[in-house]
Amino acid sequence: MIKPHGSDTLNPLFVYDTEKHHQLLKEAENLPSLLLNSAAAANAVMLGAGYFNPLTGYMNLADALSVAATLHTSDGLFWPVPIINLVDDISAIEGAKRIALRDPNTEGNPVMAIMDVAQIETVSDQQIRTMAEQIFGTLDPEHPGVATFTSLGNNLVSGNIQVLSFSYFQSDFPDTFRTAVEIRNEISERGWEKVVAFQTRNPMHRAHEELCRMAMERLEADGVVVHMLLGKLKKGDIPAPVRDACIRTMVEHYFPKNTVMVTGYGFDMLYAGPREAVLHAVFRQNMGATHLIVGRDHAGVGDYYGAFDAQTIFDDKVPAGALEIEIFRADHTAFSTKLGRVVMMNEAQDHEKEDFILLSGTRVRQMLGDGIAPPPEFSRPEVAQILMDYYRSENG
C-alpha cells in the first residue's frame, strides 16, 4: 500500500489505549483549559485521525510562516497549509506547560485533547494578513476562508497533542466518519491496490458520478473512496446529513457492488482553492489512496481562482517526489445531447455550448426549492427527490 506522507507508518494522535485514555481525561480535570475555535478543533480531529501525518501537533509561528510562504516547514517537510491553533484570549493558560483543549462544537465543551505547550507567540496583524494572502490568494474579506482566518486571534499556541475525542463526527455520522487508519484498513481488507479518492462538499450529480467512473476505468483502479467533508461550510451549502443520503443513494443504485466506499472526514472547509487541493492530496495519501481526482475549481469559492489553478499548482509548487499520490486531472463534465452520455467537455469534439445540458448551482437550487426535479441527464431522480424534500422542509 502507498506510504503515508512523511513517514513509513501512519501515526495517528488519537489515544486508543483505554487505560491511558482514561488517565488523560482524569488529568485534564485539573489542567488549565482552552476552548478551541472550530478551525483549531477541526485540526485536532484531523491530527487524531492520522490524516495530518506526520505532524505531532500544532505548528509554531516559524513553521506557520514558512508553510504559508514556501509549502515547507522550517525543517523541510512538504506541507501546503499551516496547521495552527490561533487564539484570541490566552489569559486562562498563560504560563501553563500542559493544558486541556476543549471542544467548541459539542454541548458542555468536553475535553478534546491534552497539549504540551511548547510556545505561546504573538502574531502581528501583518503576519496574519501575509499568511492569509499566501494561503487564499486574496485578502478580500468577503472570501469565507479569509474572513475566518483573519478573525481567529493573534496568539499562536503550539505544541504536541494527544487527542481524546473526534468531536461530534463519530456520534452524528457513525456510518460515514472514518479515520485515515480505518480507511487504510478497509482498503487492505478489500484487496484494493489502485484507489481513487473523490473529494466532495456537495451532493453528487450525474457529472460527479461519471467522473468517478471515468477515473476508475482510465486508471484501471480497484475502487473509489468517496470522501465527503462533514464539518462546517459556508451559509447556503447543503448540510452533511443530506449530502450523505444523496451520495449513498446514488452509489447504491448506480455503481457495481464493492467498487465504491462512502466515507467522510471531520474538517471545516477552508475554500483555499489550489492550496486546499494539495492538502486534500496529502491526507488522501495518508488514508491510502493512490490517486485524487482534481476537477475544475477544486475547493474554490466564487471567482477567486482560475478554473485549473488547483491542477497547475501540482506542477508549479509541488516538488518532484514530495508526494507519492498522483492526480487525475478532470475538466468540467456535462451531459452531451449529441452523444447521449456524460463527457468531459474538453474531450467532446464538434460540440457547441448548446449541445450540453448545463445548469448553474443557483438554477438547480431554485428548481429544487420549487419542487421541480432537474432533468435526469443532470441529476439522478432518486438524488433529486432527497434534495427536493430537503428544500421543501427548509422553505416550510
Protein backbone atom coordinates (compact mmCIF):
# COMPACT_ATOMS: atom_id res chain seq x y z
CA MET A 1 0.00 0.00 0.00
CA ILE A 2 1.11 3.57 -0.64
CA LYS A 3 3.18 5.00 2.22
CA PRO A 4 1.77 7.79 4.39
CA HIS A 5 3.20 11.27 3.86
CA GLY A 6 6.46 11.89 5.68
CA SER A 7 6.84 8.53 7.43
CA ASP A 8 6.89 4.79 6.83
CA THR A 9 3.87 4.11 9.03
CA LEU A 10 0.76 6.09 9.90
CA ASN A 11 0.95 7.74 13.31
CA PRO A 12 -2.49 8.98 14.40
CA LEU A 13 -2.50 11.17 17.52
CA PHE A 14 -5.69 9.68 18.98
CA VAL A 15 -5.06 7.80 22.24
CA TYR A 16 -6.56 4.37 21.58
CA ASP A 17 -5.28 2.67 24.74
CA THR A 18 -8.31 2.61 27.08
CA GLU A 19 -6.37 2.90 30.34
CA LYS A 20 -4.17 5.73 29.11
CA HIS A 21 -7.21 7.49 27.61
CA HIS A 22 -8.96 7.35 30.99
CA GLN A 23 -5.86 8.61 32.81
CA LEU A 24 -5.54 11.58 30.47
CA LEU A 25 -9.20 12.53 30.88
CA LYS A 26 -8.71 12.37 34.65
CA GLU A 27 -5.60 14.54 34.40
CA ALA A 28 -7.47 17.05 32.25
CA GLU A 29 -9.85 17.80 35.13
CA ASN A 30 -7.02 19.61 36.94
CA LEU A 31 -5.34 21.28 33.97
CA PRO A 32 -5.84 24.86 32.75
CA SER A 33 -8.14 24.63 29.77
CA LEU A 34 -8.52 26.41 26.46
CA LEU A 35 -11.76 26.50 24.49
CA LEU A 36 -10.72 25.99 20.88
CA ASN A 37 -12.28 27.73 17.92
CA SER A 38 -13.86 25.49 15.28
CA ALA A 39 -10.84 25.73 12.94
CA ALA A 40 -8.39 24.55 15.62
CA ALA A 41 -10.82 21.84 16.76
CA ALA A 42 -11.04 20.55 13.17
CA ASN A 43 -7.24 20.43 13.04
CA ALA A 44 -7.25 18.35 16.23
CA VAL A 45 -9.72 15.87 14.71
CA MET A 46 -7.57 15.52 11.58
CA LEU A 47 -4.39 15.08 13.65
CA GLY A 48 -6.10 12.49 15.82
CA ALA A 49 -7.41 10.58 12.82
CA GLY A 50 -3.99 10.32 11.17
CA TYR A 51 -4.93 12.49 8.21
CA PHE A 52 -2.24 15.06 9.04
CA ASN A 53 0.60 12.53 9.41
CA PRO A 54 3.47 13.08 10.24
CA LEU A 55 2.59 16.20 12.25
CA THR A 56 2.64 15.72 16.03
CA GLY A 57 0.61 18.79 16.96
CA TYR A 58 0.05 22.45 16.16
CA MET A 59 2.77 24.34 14.29
CA ASN A 60 4.71 27.24 15.83
CA LEU A 61 4.94 30.64 14.18
CA ALA A 62 8.18 29.91 12.31
CA ASP A 63 6.64 26.79 10.74
CA ALA A 64 3.33 28.52 10.00
CA LEU A 65 5.05 31.41 8.22
CA SER A 66 7.35 29.02 6.35
CA VAL A 67 4.48 26.78 5.20
CA ALA A 68 2.41 29.75 4.07
CA ALA A 69 5.34 31.18 2.10
CA THR A 70 7.11 28.06 0.78
CA LEU A 71 4.86 24.99 1.36
CA HIS A 72 7.55 23.56 3.64
CA THR A 73 8.05 23.63 7.40
CA SER A 74 11.25 25.22 8.66
CA ASP A 75 12.88 21.77 8.83
CA GLY A 76 11.90 20.94 5.23
CA LEU A 77 8.72 18.83 5.48
CA PHE A 78 6.45 19.48 2.50
CA TRP A 79 3.14 20.84 3.79
CA PRO A 80 0.66 23.14 1.98
CA VAL A 81 -1.35 24.92 4.71
CA PRO A 82 -0.41 25.95 8.28
CA ILE A 83 -1.93 23.63 10.88
CA ILE A 84 -2.26 26.02 13.78
CA ASN A 85 -4.10 26.92 16.95
CA LEU A 86 -4.76 30.66 16.79
CA VAL A 87 -6.35 32.04 19.94
CA ASP A 88 -7.94 35.34 20.87
CA ASP A 89 -7.70 35.14 24.67
CA ILE A 90 -4.83 33.29 26.40
CA SER A 91 -5.44 34.55 29.95
CA ALA A 92 -6.55 31.10 31.19
CA ILE A 93 -3.38 29.33 30.01
CA GLU A 94 -0.59 31.89 30.46
CA GLY A 95 2.48 30.22 31.93
CA ALA A 96 0.99 26.72 31.66
CA LYS A 97 3.09 23.92 30.21
CA ARG A 98 0.29 21.38 29.85
CA ILE A 99 -3.32 22.25 29.07
CA ALA A 100 -6.66 20.67 28.19
CA LEU A 101 -8.18 21.64 24.84
CA ARG A 102 -11.97 21.86 24.86
CA ASP A 103 -14.43 21.25 22.03
CA PRO A 104 -16.40 24.33 20.87
CA ASN A 105 -18.80 22.26 18.75
CA THR A 106 -20.17 19.85 21.37
CA GLU A 107 -22.53 20.73 24.21
CA GLY A 108 -20.70 21.15 27.51
CA ASN A 109 -17.36 21.72 25.75
CA PRO A 110 -15.79 18.37 26.70
CA VAL A 111 -12.03 17.81 26.54
CA MET A 112 -10.82 17.03 23.01
CA ALA A 113 -7.10 16.75 23.63
CA ILE A 114 -4.25 17.40 26.01
CA MET A 115 -1.48 19.63 24.80
CA ASP A 116 2.14 20.10 25.83
CA VAL A 117 2.58 23.83 25.31
CA ALA A 118 5.85 24.50 23.52
CA GLN A 119 5.28 28.18 22.82
CA ILE A 120 2.68 30.91 23.02
CA GLU A 121 3.62 33.53 20.43
CA THR A 122 2.08 36.81 19.41
CA VAL A 123 1.22 37.02 15.72
CA SER A 124 1.07 40.52 14.30
CA ASP A 125 -1.84 41.67 12.15
CA GLN A 126 0.62 41.98 9.27
CA GLN A 127 1.76 38.38 9.71
CA ILE A 128 -1.88 37.25 9.76
CA ARG A 129 -2.58 39.19 6.56
CA THR A 130 0.57 37.88 4.86
CA MET A 131 -0.30 34.27 5.66
CA ALA A 132 -3.92 34.77 4.59
CA GLU A 133 -2.87 36.20 1.23
CA GLN A 134 -0.38 33.38 0.63
CA ILE A 135 -2.87 30.65 1.61
CA PHE A 136 -6.00 32.04 -0.07
CA GLY A 137 -4.50 34.17 -2.83
CA THR A 138 -6.60 37.16 -1.72
CA LEU A 139 -7.30 39.42 1.25
CA ASP A 140 -10.89 40.09 0.23
CA PRO A 141 -12.90 40.00 3.49
CA GLU A 142 -15.83 38.55 1.50
CA HIS A 143 -13.81 35.36 0.91
CA PRO A 144 -15.12 32.94 3.59
CA GLY A 145 -11.69 31.45 4.27
CA VAL A 146 -10.05 34.86 4.64
CA ALA A 147 -12.89 36.06 6.87
CA THR A 148 -12.41 33.08 9.20
CA PHE A 149 -8.61 33.06 9.24
CA THR A 150 -8.25 36.78 9.99
CA SER A 151 -10.73 36.62 12.88
CA LEU A 152 -9.25 33.75 14.91
CA GLY A 153 -6.93 35.81 17.12
CA ASN A 154 -3.33 36.96 17.44
CA ASN A 155 -1.92 34.37 19.83
CA LEU A 156 -0.46 31.18 18.42
CA VAL A 157 -0.33 28.22 20.82
CA SER A 158 1.95 25.45 19.54
CA GLY A 159 3.00 22.04 20.75
CA ASN A 160 2.30 18.33 20.62
CA ILE A 161 -1.17 16.99 21.37
CA GLN A 162 -2.78 13.73 22.47
CA VAL A 163 -6.28 13.51 21.02
CA LEU A 164 -9.10 12.10 23.15
CA SER A 165 -12.19 12.88 21.06
CA PHE A 166 -13.28 13.14 17.44
CA SER A 167 -15.82 15.81 18.45
CA TYR A 168 -19.36 15.29 17.13
CA PHE A 169 -18.31 13.45 13.99
CA GLN A 170 -18.43 9.91 15.38
CA SER A 171 -21.81 10.37 17.09
CA ASP A 172 -23.51 12.36 14.32
CA PHE A 173 -22.09 10.33 11.40
CA PRO A 174 -21.43 6.82 12.79
CA ASP A 175 -21.81 5.16 9.38
CA THR A 176 -19.73 7.71 7.49
CA PHE A 177 -16.99 9.28 9.61
CA ARG A 178 -13.78 7.27 9.26
CA THR A 179 -10.22 7.89 10.36
CA ALA A 180 -7.32 7.52 7.96
CA VAL A 181 -6.42 4.38 9.92
CA GLU A 182 -9.86 2.84 9.35
CA ILE A 183 -9.88 3.65 5.64
CA ARG A 184 -6.40 2.15 5.18
CA ASN A 185 -7.58 -0.99 6.96
CA GLU A 186 -10.70 -1.29 4.81
CA ILE A 187 -8.73 -0.75 1.58
CA SER A 188 -6.43 -3.55 2.69
CA GLU A 189 -9.36 -5.84 3.60
CA ARG A 190 -10.96 -5.25 0.19
CA GLY A 191 -7.69 -6.10 -1.52
CA TRP A 192 -7.66 -2.80 -3.41
CA GLU A 193 -4.27 -1.66 -4.69
CA LYS A 194 -5.06 1.23 -7.02
CA VAL A 195 -7.51 3.51 -5.21
CA VAL A 196 -9.10 6.75 -6.43
CA ALA A 197 -10.24 9.38 -3.92
CA PHE A 198 -13.11 11.73 -4.78
CA GLN A 199 -13.44 14.88 -2.66
CA THR A 200 -16.87 16.43 -2.23
CA ARG A 201 -18.67 19.01 -0.16
CA ASN A 202 -21.79 18.78 -2.35
CA PRO A 203 -24.35 16.14 -3.27
CA MET A 204 -23.14 14.12 -6.26
CA HIS A 205 -24.92 14.71 -9.55
CA ARG A 206 -24.52 12.75 -12.80
CA ALA A 207 -21.35 14.62 -13.73
CA HIS A 208 -19.64 13.68 -10.44
CA GLU A 209 -20.83 10.10 -10.75
CA GLU A 210 -19.42 9.76 -14.25
CA LEU A 211 -16.18 11.45 -13.24
CA CYS A 212 -15.60 8.72 -10.63
CA ARG A 213 -16.44 6.09 -13.24
CA MET A 214 -14.09 7.64 -15.82
CA ALA A 215 -11.23 7.80 -13.32
CA MET A 216 -11.73 4.18 -12.32
CA GLU A 217 -11.80 2.99 -15.92
CA ARG A 218 -8.90 5.05 -17.21
CA LEU A 219 -6.66 4.29 -14.26
CA GLU A 220 -7.83 0.66 -14.09
CA ALA A 221 -8.45 1.26 -10.40
CA ASP A 222 -9.89 -1.28 -7.98
CA GLY A 223 -12.23 1.17 -6.32
CA VAL A 224 -13.22 4.73 -5.43
CA VAL A 225 -13.34 6.26 -1.97
CA VAL A 226 -15.98 8.99 -1.99
CA HIS A 227 -14.64 11.12 0.86
CA MET A 228 -17.05 13.84 1.91
CA LEU A 229 -16.38 16.78 4.16
CA LEU A 230 -18.53 16.58 7.30
CA GLY A 231 -17.51 19.82 9.03
CA LYS A 232 -18.55 23.44 8.80
CA LEU A 233 -19.35 25.02 5.44
CA LYS A 234 -20.43 28.46 4.34
CA LYS A 235 -24.03 29.60 4.57
CA GLY A 236 -26.21 28.12 1.82
CA ASP A 237 -24.24 24.88 1.36
CA ILE A 238 -26.16 21.61 1.68
CA PRO A 239 -25.81 20.14 5.21
CA ALA A 240 -23.79 16.95 5.63
CA PRO A 241 -26.64 14.53 6.51
CA VAL A 242 -28.46 15.45 3.27
CA ARG A 243 -25.29 15.09 1.19
CA ASP A 244 -24.60 11.76 2.84
CA ALA A 245 -28.06 10.45 1.96
CA CYS A 246 -27.73 11.65 -1.66
CA ILE A 247 -24.34 10.02 -2.16
CA ARG A 248 -25.32 6.71 -0.57
CA THR A 249 -28.47 6.55 -2.70
CA MET A 250 -26.52 7.23 -5.89
CA VAL A 251 -23.87 4.62 -5.07
CA GLU A 252 -26.49 2.01 -4.14
CA HIS A 253 -28.42 2.44 -7.39
CA TYR A 254 -25.75 3.17 -9.98
CA PHE A 255 -22.42 1.55 -9.06
CA PRO A 256 -21.48 -2.14 -9.01
CA LYS A 257 -21.22 -3.57 -5.50
CA ASN A 258 -17.84 -3.31 -3.76
CA THR A 259 -16.45 -0.67 -6.11
CA VAL A 260 -17.23 2.43 -4.00
CA MET A 261 -16.50 3.16 -0.35
CA VAL A 262 -18.59 6.04 1.08
CA THR A 263 -16.74 7.80 3.90
CA GLY A 264 -16.34 11.22 5.46
CA TYR A 265 -13.81 13.25 7.41
CA GLY A 266 -14.14 15.83 10.17
CA PHE A 267 -12.78 19.12 8.95
CA ASP A 268 -14.05 22.63 8.26
CA MET A 269 -13.89 23.75 4.64
CA LEU A 270 -11.13 26.29 4.03
CA TYR A 271 -12.20 27.37 0.50
CA ALA A 272 -8.48 27.79 -0.21
CA GLY A 273 -8.64 26.54 -3.79
CA PRO A 274 -5.19 25.37 -5.01
CA ARG A 275 -3.61 25.18 -1.55
CA GLU A 276 -6.53 23.16 -0.23
CA ALA A 277 -6.32 20.83 -3.24
CA VAL A 278 -2.76 20.00 -2.23
CA LEU A 279 -3.83 19.48 1.39
CA HIS A 280 -6.52 17.12 0.05
CA ALA A 281 -3.81 15.16 -1.76
CA VAL A 282 -1.65 14.91 1.36
CA PHE A 283 -4.36 13.50 3.57
CA ARG A 284 -5.73 11.21 0.85
CA GLN A 285 -2.26 9.69 0.57
CA ASN A 286 -2.34 9.23 4.34
CA MET A 287 -5.64 7.33 4.10
CA GLY A 288 -4.23 5.02 1.42
CA ALA A 289 -5.46 6.47 -1.89
CA THR A 290 -3.08 6.28 -4.84
CA HIS A 291 -4.93 8.91 -6.93
CA LEU A 292 -7.01 12.01 -6.22
CA ILE A 293 -9.49 13.45 -8.71
CA VAL A 294 -8.88 17.19 -9.08
CA GLY A 295 -11.51 18.90 -11.17
CA ARG A 296 -12.26 22.45 -12.23
CA ASP A 297 -12.08 24.99 -9.38
CA HIS A 298 -11.37 22.26 -6.83
CA ALA A 299 -12.00 23.59 -3.28
CA GLY A 300 -12.73 27.02 -4.73
CA VAL A 301 -15.38 29.60 -4.00
CA GLY A 302 -16.77 32.44 -6.08
CA ASP A 303 -14.41 33.67 -8.81
CA TYR A 304 -11.25 33.80 -6.69
CA TYR A 305 -9.37 31.07 -8.57
CA GLY A 306 -8.82 30.13 -12.17
CA ALA A 307 -10.61 27.01 -13.42
CA PHE A 308 -7.46 24.89 -13.37
CA ASP A 309 -5.32 26.59 -10.70
CA ALA A 310 -5.90 23.60 -8.40
CA GLN A 311 -4.29 21.37 -11.03
CA THR A 312 -1.38 23.58 -12.10
CA ILE A 313 -0.24 24.08 -8.50
CA PHE A 314 0.90 20.43 -8.59
CA ASP A 315 3.21 21.37 -11.47
CA ASP A 316 4.34 24.73 -10.13
CA LYS A 317 4.56 24.35 -6.35
CA VAL A 318 4.79 20.64 -5.52
CA PRO A 319 8.40 19.44 -5.89
CA ALA A 320 9.03 16.12 -7.63
CA GLY A 321 8.88 13.32 -5.09
CA ALA A 322 7.18 15.43 -2.40
CA LEU A 323 4.03 13.30 -2.68
CA GLU A 324 3.51 9.71 -3.79
CA ILE A 325 -0.18 10.15 -4.59
CA GLU A 326 -0.96 11.06 -8.21
CA ILE A 327 -3.54 13.48 -9.58
CA PHE A 328 -6.30 12.56 -12.01
CA ARG A 329 -6.95 15.83 -13.83
CA ALA A 330 -10.55 16.40 -14.81
CA ASP A 331 -12.25 19.01 -16.93
CA HIS A 332 -15.83 20.14 -16.48
CA THR A 333 -18.18 17.20 -17.10
CA ALA A 334 -21.67 17.52 -18.56
CA PHE A 335 -24.30 15.50 -20.41
CA SER A 336 -23.87 15.65 -24.19
CA THR A 337 -27.18 15.58 -26.06
CA LYS A 338 -25.21 14.63 -29.19
CA LEU A 339 -23.61 11.56 -27.62
CA GLY A 340 -26.30 10.71 -25.08
CA ARG A 341 -23.87 10.44 -22.16
CA VAL A 342 -21.80 12.47 -19.72
CA VAL A 343 -18.43 13.54 -21.13
CA MET A 344 -15.52 15.76 -20.24
CA MET A 345 -16.28 18.90 -22.20
CA ASN A 346 -12.70 19.38 -23.41
CA GLU A 347 -12.82 15.91 -24.99
CA ALA A 348 -16.11 16.42 -26.83
CA GLN A 349 -15.30 17.15 -30.47
CA ASP A 350 -17.66 19.18 -32.68
CA HIS A 351 -19.76 20.40 -29.76
CA GLU A 352 -21.26 23.82 -29.16
CA LYS A 353 -22.31 25.04 -25.72
CA GLU A 354 -25.96 24.27 -26.52
CA ASP A 355 -25.04 20.60 -27.10
CA PHE A 356 -24.51 20.19 -23.33
CA ILE A 357 -27.05 20.22 -20.51
CA LEU A 358 -25.57 22.88 -18.24
CA LEU A 359 -27.31 24.23 -15.16
CA SER A 360 -25.85 26.74 -12.70
CA GLY A 361 -25.89 25.89 -9.00
CA THR A 362 -28.28 28.82 -8.46
CA ARG A 363 -30.70 27.49 -11.07
CA VAL A 364 -30.57 23.95 -9.64
CA ARG A 365 -31.26 25.22 -6.11
CA GLN A 366 -34.15 27.30 -7.44
CA MET A 367 -35.66 24.30 -9.24
CA LEU A 368 -35.30 22.04 -6.22
CA GLY A 369 -36.77 24.70 -3.95
CA ASP A 370 -39.76 24.95 -6.28
CA GLY A 371 -40.23 21.19 -6.16
CA ILE A 372 -39.03 20.73 -9.75
CA ALA A 373 -36.59 17.89 -10.41
CA PRO A 374 -33.62 18.80 -12.60
CA PRO A 375 -33.52 16.82 -15.85
CA PRO A 376 -32.40 13.18 -15.40
CA GLU A 377 -29.35 13.94 -17.58
CA PHE A 378 -28.20 16.29 -14.80
CA SER A 379 -29.31 14.55 -11.61
CA ARG A 380 -30.46 11.03 -10.80
CA PRO A 381 -34.18 11.10 -9.85
CA GLU A 382 -33.55 9.35 -6.51
CA VAL A 383 -30.99 12.03 -5.60
CA ALA A 384 -33.22 14.87 -6.81
CA GLN A 385 -36.04 13.59 -4.59
CA ILE A 386 -33.88 13.75 -1.45
CA LEU A 387 -32.85 17.30 -2.33
CA MET A 388 -36.41 18.41 -3.10
CA ASP A 389 -37.55 17.04 0.26
CA TYR A 390 -34.75 18.97 1.98
CA TYR A 391 -35.55 22.26 0.26
CA ARG A 392 -39.25 21.76 0.90
CA SER A 393 -38.57 21.36 4.63
CA GLU A 394 -36.27 24.43 4.60
CA ASN A 395 -38.87 26.55 2.85
CA GLY A 396 -41.63 25.45 5.19
